[in-house]
Amino acid sequence: MNMFSQLFSLIKKYVPLHLAVFVIACCPFIEVKGSIPLGVIAGLPVWQSSFWAYLGSMLPVPFILFGFNYILAFLKIWHRTMQKAEKLEADIYAKRDLIDRYGYLGLFVFVALPIPGTGVWSGALLASLLKLKYLPSLILIALGNAVGTCLIYGLTFGVSSLFKLFF
């Protein structure tokens, strides 16, 4: 039994799978792109995995939109964290081309594309840093995340169907 199987056996034993998918989707970089396939591998139907992953990935968005600039300003006060905060800010600003060019539509596309470095965390951080309005940003991040979730749903469903067909 490999490490991955052992981890899911442990999760299944103590935590309901839908809750595990929800929590995994809250994590940056993983979001729906990783939590949907993980949920399916663990035994959840694709639609359930997608539903819980979507909800989990949206949980941190309001907090990021509202509080990230305050946290960043706080980190810049301390000498020990100033350089890391400035590097984080520079890394986020480096992804702003799409939003500068297309505005809120760019934010939607940025969140909807299921490629590394995009998603709800990056989109919310960008919207917060660029001081975009809260409600339009929240709505477009939610819609972009729904499109991204549907894309990952389709990929996961297609791959799992092919896998069942041949194996």
Foldseek 3Di string as FASTA:
>chain_A
DDPLVVVLVVCVVPHPLLVVLLQQLLDPQCQLLPSLLSSVVSPDPSVSSLVSSLNSVLVCLLVLLPPVVVVLVVLCVDPVRNVVSVVVLVVLVVPCPQCVVPPLVSLLQQQQDPDGPGHRVSSSNNCNSVVPDRVSSSVSNSNSSVNNSVVSSVVSVVVVVVVVVVD
